[in-house]
Amino acid sequence: MIPFNTTTITVRRPAPTDEPYEQPGPSSVVATGVRAHIATSRGAENVVGGDQEVVYFRLTCDPVDLDHADAVVDEGTGLVYDVEWARLRQGLGLEHVEAGLRQVAGVVSA
């Protein structure tokens, strides 16, 4: 468990598809009410081109089944993040999950 939390999260998982370019079906809820802290990891923001902005965040939360294809919803703000990677950390009674999150806003100009 993490020693303190600043929010709680919901983990959503997209439905599996048979084809890699097929749109996934409705997502399912894996967990809700998970104690968490979301912070900017490096203060990194990238303007990709046009009006698209990509911002990276770092998630620390209580142990939960989290996969790189999942979405995390901050229950306090309603903001949605894409999970880029997730790792379970163990030891010293502080078992928790760390993950890299990403938010993309806008579109890339052609």
N, C-alpha and C. Protein backbone atom coordinates (compact mmCIF):
# COMPACT_ATOMS: atom_id res chain seq x y z
N MET A 1 0.83 -1.18 0.00
CA MET A 1 0.00 0.00 0.00
C MET A 1 0.88 1.25 0.00
N ILE A 2 0.38 2.28 -0.68
CA ILE A 2 1.12 3.53 -0.68
C ILE A 2 0.85 4.26 0.65
N PRO A 3 1.84 5.02 1.14
CA PRO A 3 1.67 5.66 2.45
C PRO A 3 0.62 6.76 2.47
N PHE A 4 0.39 7.44 1.35
CA PHE A 4 -0.66 8.46 1.28
C PHE A 4 -1.19 8.52 -0.15
N ASN A 5 -2.40 9.03 -0.28
CA ASN A 5 -2.99 9.17 -1.62
C ASN A 5 -3.58 10.56 -1.77
N THR A 6 -3.65 11.02 -3.01
CA THR A 6 -4.26 12.32 -3.29
C THR A 6 -5.54 12.17 -4.11
N THR A 7 -5.83 10.95 -4.55
CA THR A 7 -7.05 10.70 -5.32
C THR A 7 -7.35 9.21 -5.30
N THR A 8 -8.42 8.83 -5.96
CA THR A 8 -8.70 7.42 -6.22
C THR A 8 -8.92 7.28 -7.71
N ILE A 9 -8.69 6.07 -8.23
CA ILE A 9 -8.77 5.85 -9.66
C ILE A 9 -9.69 4.68 -9.99
N THR A 10 -10.16 4.70 -11.23
CA THR A 10 -10.87 3.57 -11.84
C THR A 10 -10.00 3.08 -12.99
N VAL A 11 -9.84 1.77 -13.11
CA VAL A 11 -9.07 1.17 -14.21
C VAL A 11 -10.06 0.57 -15.20
N ARG A 12 -9.97 0.99 -16.47
CA ARG A 12 -10.82 0.46 -17.54
C ARG A 12 -9.96 -0.29 -18.54
N ARG A 13 -10.45 -1.43 -19.00
CA ARG A 13 -9.73 -2.27 -19.96
C ARG A 13 -10.54 -2.42 -21.23
N PRO A 14 -9.91 -2.13 -22.40
CA PRO A 14 -10.65 -2.27 -23.66
C PRO A 14 -10.96 -3.74 -23.95
N ALA A 15 -12.06 -3.96 -24.65
CA ALA A 15 -12.43 -5.32 -25.04
C ALA A 15 -11.41 -5.84 -26.05
N PRO A 16 -11.05 -7.12 -25.96
CA PRO A 16 -10.10 -7.67 -26.93
C PRO A 16 -10.70 -7.73 -28.33
N THR A 17 -9.85 -7.61 -29.34
CA THR A 17 -10.29 -7.71 -30.73
C THR A 17 -9.47 -8.78 -31.44
N ASP A 18 -10.04 -9.34 -32.49
CA ASP A 18 -9.34 -10.36 -33.27
C ASP A 18 -8.38 -9.74 -34.28
N GLU A 19 -8.69 -8.53 -34.71
CA GLU A 19 -7.88 -7.87 -35.73
C GLU A 19 -7.16 -6.66 -35.11
N PRO A 20 -5.88 -6.46 -35.45
CA PRO A 20 -5.12 -5.37 -34.83
C PRO A 20 -5.63 -3.97 -35.17
N TYR A 21 -6.28 -3.80 -36.32
CA TYR A 21 -6.75 -2.48 -36.72
C TYR A 21 -8.25 -2.29 -36.48
N GLU A 22 -8.86 -3.26 -35.84
CA GLU A 22 -10.28 -3.20 -35.54
C GLU A 22 -10.51 -2.32 -34.31
N GLN A 23 -11.57 -1.53 -34.33
CA GLN A 23 -11.91 -0.71 -33.17
C GLN A 23 -12.34 -1.62 -32.02
N PRO A 24 -11.78 -1.41 -30.81
CA PRO A 24 -12.20 -2.25 -29.68
C PRO A 24 -13.64 -1.96 -29.28
N GLY A 25 -14.27 -2.93 -28.67
CA GLY A 25 -15.63 -2.76 -28.17
C GLY A 25 -15.61 -1.94 -26.88
N PRO A 26 -16.72 -1.91 -26.18
CA PRO A 26 -16.79 -1.14 -24.93
C PRO A 26 -15.79 -1.67 -23.90
N SER A 27 -15.23 -0.76 -23.13
CA SER A 27 -14.25 -1.17 -22.12
C SER A 27 -14.98 -1.69 -20.88
N SER A 28 -14.27 -2.53 -20.13
CA SER A 28 -14.82 -3.05 -18.88
C SER A 28 -14.05 -2.45 -17.71
N VAL A 29 -14.69 -2.35 -16.57
CA VAL A 29 -14.06 -1.79 -15.38
C VAL A 29 -13.33 -2.92 -14.66
N VAL A 30 -12.03 -2.73 -14.46
CA VAL A 30 -11.19 -3.72 -13.77
C VAL A 30 -11.22 -3.47 -12.26
N ALA A 31 -11.16 -2.19 -11.87
CA ALA A 31 -11.14 -1.83 -10.44
C ALA A 31 -11.61 -0.39 -10.27
N THR A 32 -12.20 -0.10 -9.12
CA THR A 32 -12.61 1.26 -8.78
C THR A 32 -12.18 1.56 -7.35
N GLY A 33 -12.06 2.85 -7.05
CA GLY A 33 -11.73 3.26 -5.69
C GLY A 33 -10.32 2.92 -5.25
N VAL A 34 -9.40 2.74 -6.21
CA VAL A 34 -8.01 2.40 -5.89
C VAL A 34 -7.29 3.68 -5.43
N ARG A 35 -6.69 3.63 -4.24
CA ARG A 35 -5.95 4.79 -3.71
C ARG A 35 -4.74 5.07 -4.60
N ALA A 36 -4.53 6.35 -4.96
CA ALA A 36 -3.48 6.67 -5.92
C ALA A 36 -2.95 8.09 -5.75
N HIS A 37 -1.82 8.32 -6.41
CA HIS A 37 -1.24 9.66 -6.55
C HIS A 37 -0.77 9.79 -7.99
N ILE A 38 -1.20 10.87 -8.68
CA ILE A 38 -0.79 11.12 -10.06
C ILE A 38 0.01 12.41 -10.07
N ALA A 39 1.21 12.35 -10.64
CA ALA A 39 2.08 13.52 -10.69
C ALA A 39 2.76 13.60 -12.05
N THR A 40 3.21 14.79 -12.43
CA THR A 40 4.01 14.90 -13.65
C THR A 40 5.38 14.34 -13.32
N SER A 41 5.86 13.45 -14.15
CA SER A 41 7.13 12.78 -13.85
C SER A 41 8.34 13.65 -14.16
N ARG A 42 8.28 14.37 -15.26
CA ARG A 42 9.41 15.19 -15.67
C ARG A 42 8.97 16.59 -16.04
N GLY A 43 7.70 16.84 -15.87
CA GLY A 43 7.18 18.09 -16.39
C GLY A 43 7.25 18.10 -17.91
N ALA A 44 7.23 16.92 -18.53
CA ALA A 44 7.43 16.81 -19.97
C ALA A 44 6.14 17.04 -20.73
N GLU A 45 6.17 17.97 -21.64
CA GLU A 45 5.06 18.22 -22.55
C GLU A 45 5.63 18.34 -23.94
N ASN A 46 5.05 17.65 -24.89
CA ASN A 46 5.52 17.69 -26.27
C ASN A 46 4.43 18.23 -27.18
N VAL A 47 4.77 19.24 -27.96
CA VAL A 47 3.86 19.69 -29.01
C VAL A 47 4.29 18.96 -30.26
N VAL A 48 3.48 18.00 -30.70
CA VAL A 48 3.85 17.11 -31.78
C VAL A 48 3.78 17.81 -33.13
N GLY A 49 2.87 18.66 -33.29
CA GLY A 49 2.67 19.36 -34.55
C GLY A 49 1.22 19.78 -34.65
N GLY A 50 0.99 20.90 -35.27
CA GLY A 50 -0.38 21.38 -35.32
C GLY A 50 -0.85 21.76 -33.94
N ASP A 51 -1.98 21.21 -33.53
CA ASP A 51 -2.56 21.53 -32.23
C ASP A 51 -2.50 20.37 -31.25
N GLN A 52 -1.66 19.36 -31.53
CA GLN A 52 -1.61 18.21 -30.63
C GLN A 52 -0.56 18.41 -29.54
N GLU A 53 -0.98 18.09 -28.32
CA GLU A 53 -0.09 18.18 -27.17
C GLU A 53 -0.10 16.83 -26.45
N VAL A 54 1.07 16.32 -26.10
CA VAL A 54 1.19 15.07 -25.37
C VAL A 54 1.86 15.38 -24.03
N VAL A 55 1.21 14.98 -22.92
CA VAL A 55 1.74 15.24 -21.58
C VAL A 55 1.88 13.90 -20.87
N TYR A 56 3.03 13.72 -20.20
CA TYR A 56 3.34 12.47 -19.51
C TYR A 56 3.21 12.64 -18.00
N PHE A 57 2.69 11.61 -17.33
CA PHE A 57 2.47 11.64 -15.89
C PHE A 57 3.00 10.35 -15.28
N ARG A 58 3.12 10.34 -13.95
CA ARG A 58 3.56 9.15 -13.20
C ARG A 58 2.49 8.79 -12.19
N LEU A 59 2.07 7.53 -12.21
CA LEU A 59 1.05 7.03 -11.29
C LEU A 59 1.71 6.15 -10.24
N THR A 60 1.35 6.35 -8.98
CA THR A 60 1.69 5.45 -7.89
C THR A 60 0.37 5.09 -7.23
N CYS A 61 0.10 3.78 -7.08
CA CYS A 61 -1.19 3.37 -6.51
C CYS A 61 -1.06 2.06 -5.75
N ASP A 62 -2.10 1.76 -4.98
CA ASP A 62 -2.16 0.47 -4.30
C ASP A 62 -2.17 -0.64 -5.34
N PRO A 63 -1.77 -1.85 -4.97
CA PRO A 63 -1.72 -2.96 -5.93
C PRO A 63 -3.05 -3.15 -6.67
N VAL A 64 -2.95 -3.22 -8.00
CA VAL A 64 -4.12 -3.40 -8.86
C VAL A 64 -3.65 -4.04 -10.16
N ASP A 65 -4.54 -4.77 -10.82
CA ASP A 65 -4.24 -5.37 -12.12
C ASP A 65 -4.23 -4.26 -13.16
N LEU A 66 -3.05 -3.84 -13.61
CA LEU A 66 -2.92 -2.72 -14.54
C LEU A 66 -2.06 -3.16 -15.72
N ASP A 67 -2.56 -2.91 -16.93
CA ASP A 67 -1.90 -3.34 -18.16
C ASP A 67 -1.60 -2.14 -19.03
N HIS A 68 -0.63 -2.26 -19.93
CA HIS A 68 -0.22 -1.12 -20.77
C HIS A 68 -1.32 -0.66 -21.74
N ALA A 69 -2.35 -1.44 -21.95
CA ALA A 69 -3.44 -1.03 -22.85
C ALA A 69 -4.61 -0.41 -22.10
N ASP A 70 -4.53 -0.33 -20.77
CA ASP A 70 -5.64 0.16 -19.96
C ASP A 70 -5.75 1.67 -19.98
N ALA A 71 -6.87 2.16 -19.49
CA ALA A 71 -7.08 3.59 -19.25
C ALA A 71 -7.34 3.77 -17.77
N VAL A 72 -6.82 4.86 -17.22
CA VAL A 72 -7.01 5.20 -15.81
C VAL A 72 -7.86 6.46 -15.75
N VAL A 73 -8.90 6.44 -14.93
CA VAL A 73 -9.76 7.60 -14.73
C VAL A 73 -9.54 8.12 -13.32
N ASP A 74 -9.14 9.39 -13.21
CA ASP A 74 -9.01 10.03 -11.90
C ASP A 74 -10.42 10.31 -11.40
N GLU A 75 -10.84 9.65 -10.32
CA GLU A 75 -12.20 9.79 -9.83
C GLU A 75 -12.46 11.18 -9.24
N GLY A 76 -11.39 11.90 -8.86
CA GLY A 76 -11.56 13.23 -8.30
C GLY A 76 -11.79 14.29 -9.36
N THR A 77 -11.12 14.16 -10.50
CA THR A 77 -11.21 15.18 -11.55
C THR A 77 -11.95 14.72 -12.79
N GLY A 78 -12.07 13.40 -12.98
CA GLY A 78 -12.69 12.86 -14.18
C GLY A 78 -11.74 12.78 -15.36
N LEU A 79 -10.48 13.19 -15.18
CA LEU A 79 -9.51 13.12 -16.28
C LEU A 79 -9.16 11.68 -16.60
N VAL A 80 -8.95 11.40 -17.90
CA VAL A 80 -8.63 10.05 -18.36
C VAL A 80 -7.20 10.03 -18.89
N TYR A 81 -6.45 9.00 -18.51
CA TYR A 81 -5.06 8.83 -18.91
C TYR A 81 -4.89 7.47 -19.58
N ASP A 82 -4.01 7.39 -20.58
CA ASP A 82 -3.64 6.11 -21.19
C ASP A 82 -2.44 5.56 -20.44
N VAL A 83 -2.43 4.26 -20.16
CA VAL A 83 -1.31 3.62 -19.48
C VAL A 83 -0.28 3.21 -20.52
N GLU A 84 0.97 3.66 -20.34
CA GLU A 84 2.06 3.29 -21.25
C GLU A 84 2.84 2.08 -20.73
N TRP A 85 3.03 2.00 -19.42
CA TRP A 85 3.73 0.88 -18.80
C TRP A 85 3.28 0.78 -17.35
N ALA A 86 3.43 -0.39 -16.74
CA ALA A 86 3.06 -0.58 -15.34
C ALA A 86 3.95 -1.66 -14.73
N ARG A 87 4.38 -1.43 -13.50
CA ARG A 87 5.23 -2.38 -12.79
C ARG A 87 4.79 -2.49 -11.34
N LEU A 88 4.73 -3.71 -10.82
CA LEU A 88 4.46 -3.95 -9.41
C LEU A 88 5.77 -3.83 -8.66
N ARG A 89 5.79 -3.02 -7.61
CA ARG A 89 6.97 -2.85 -6.75
C ARG A 89 6.68 -3.52 -5.42
N GLN A 90 7.65 -4.30 -4.92
CA GLN A 90 7.46 -5.03 -3.67
C GLN A 90 8.61 -4.76 -2.72
N GLY A 91 8.32 -4.91 -1.44
CA GLY A 91 9.37 -4.80 -0.44
C GLY A 91 9.04 -3.83 0.66
N LEU A 92 9.52 -4.13 1.84
CA LEU A 92 9.40 -3.28 3.02
C LEU A 92 7.95 -2.95 3.38
N GLY A 93 7.02 -3.82 3.00
CA GLY A 93 5.63 -3.61 3.33
C GLY A 93 4.96 -2.50 2.53
N LEU A 94 5.63 -2.01 1.50
CA LEU A 94 5.07 -0.93 0.68
C LEU A 94 4.78 -1.41 -0.73
N GLU A 95 4.16 -2.57 -0.85
CA GLU A 95 3.82 -3.10 -2.17
C GLU A 95 2.89 -2.12 -2.87
N HIS A 96 3.25 -1.75 -4.10
CA HIS A 96 2.45 -0.78 -4.85
C HIS A 96 2.74 -0.92 -6.33
N VAL A 97 1.96 -0.23 -7.16
CA VAL A 97 2.14 -0.23 -8.60
C VAL A 97 2.62 1.16 -9.02
N GLU A 98 3.62 1.18 -9.89
CA GLU A 98 4.06 2.42 -10.53
C GLU A 98 3.76 2.28 -12.01
N ALA A 99 3.32 3.39 -12.63
CA ALA A 99 2.97 3.33 -14.05
C ALA A 99 3.23 4.67 -14.71
N GLY A 100 3.51 4.60 -16.00
CA GLY A 100 3.64 5.80 -16.81
C GLY A 100 2.30 6.06 -17.50
N LEU A 101 1.83 7.29 -17.40
CA LEU A 101 0.55 7.67 -18.00
C LEU A 101 0.78 8.73 -19.06
N ARG A 102 -0.16 8.83 -19.99
CA ARG A 102 -0.06 9.82 -21.07
C ARG A 102 -1.44 10.38 -21.36
N GLN A 103 -1.47 11.68 -21.64
CA GLN A 103 -2.68 12.34 -22.11
C GLN A 103 -2.36 12.99 -23.43
N VAL A 104 -3.24 12.82 -24.41
CA VAL A 104 -3.07 13.43 -25.73
C VAL A 104 -4.27 14.33 -25.96
N ALA A 105 -3.99 15.57 -26.34
CA ALA A 105 -5.05 16.52 -26.65
C ALA A 105 -4.82 17.12 -28.02
N GLY A 106 -5.86 17.34 -28.77
CA GLY A 106 -5.74 17.95 -30.08
C GLY A 106 -5.41 16.94 -31.17
N VAL A 107 -5.09 17.46 -32.35
CA VAL A 107 -4.78 16.60 -33.49
C VAL A 107 -3.51 17.08 -34.17
N VAL A 108 -2.84 16.17 -34.87
CA VAL A 108 -1.64 16.50 -35.62
C VAL A 108 -2.08 17.04 -36.98
N SER A 109 -1.45 18.15 -37.39
CA SER A 109 -1.80 18.69 -38.71
C SER A 109 -1.05 17.92 -39.79
N ALA A 110 -1.64 17.81 -40.95
CA ALA A 110 -1.05 17.03 -42.05
C ALA A 110 0.05 17.79 -42.75
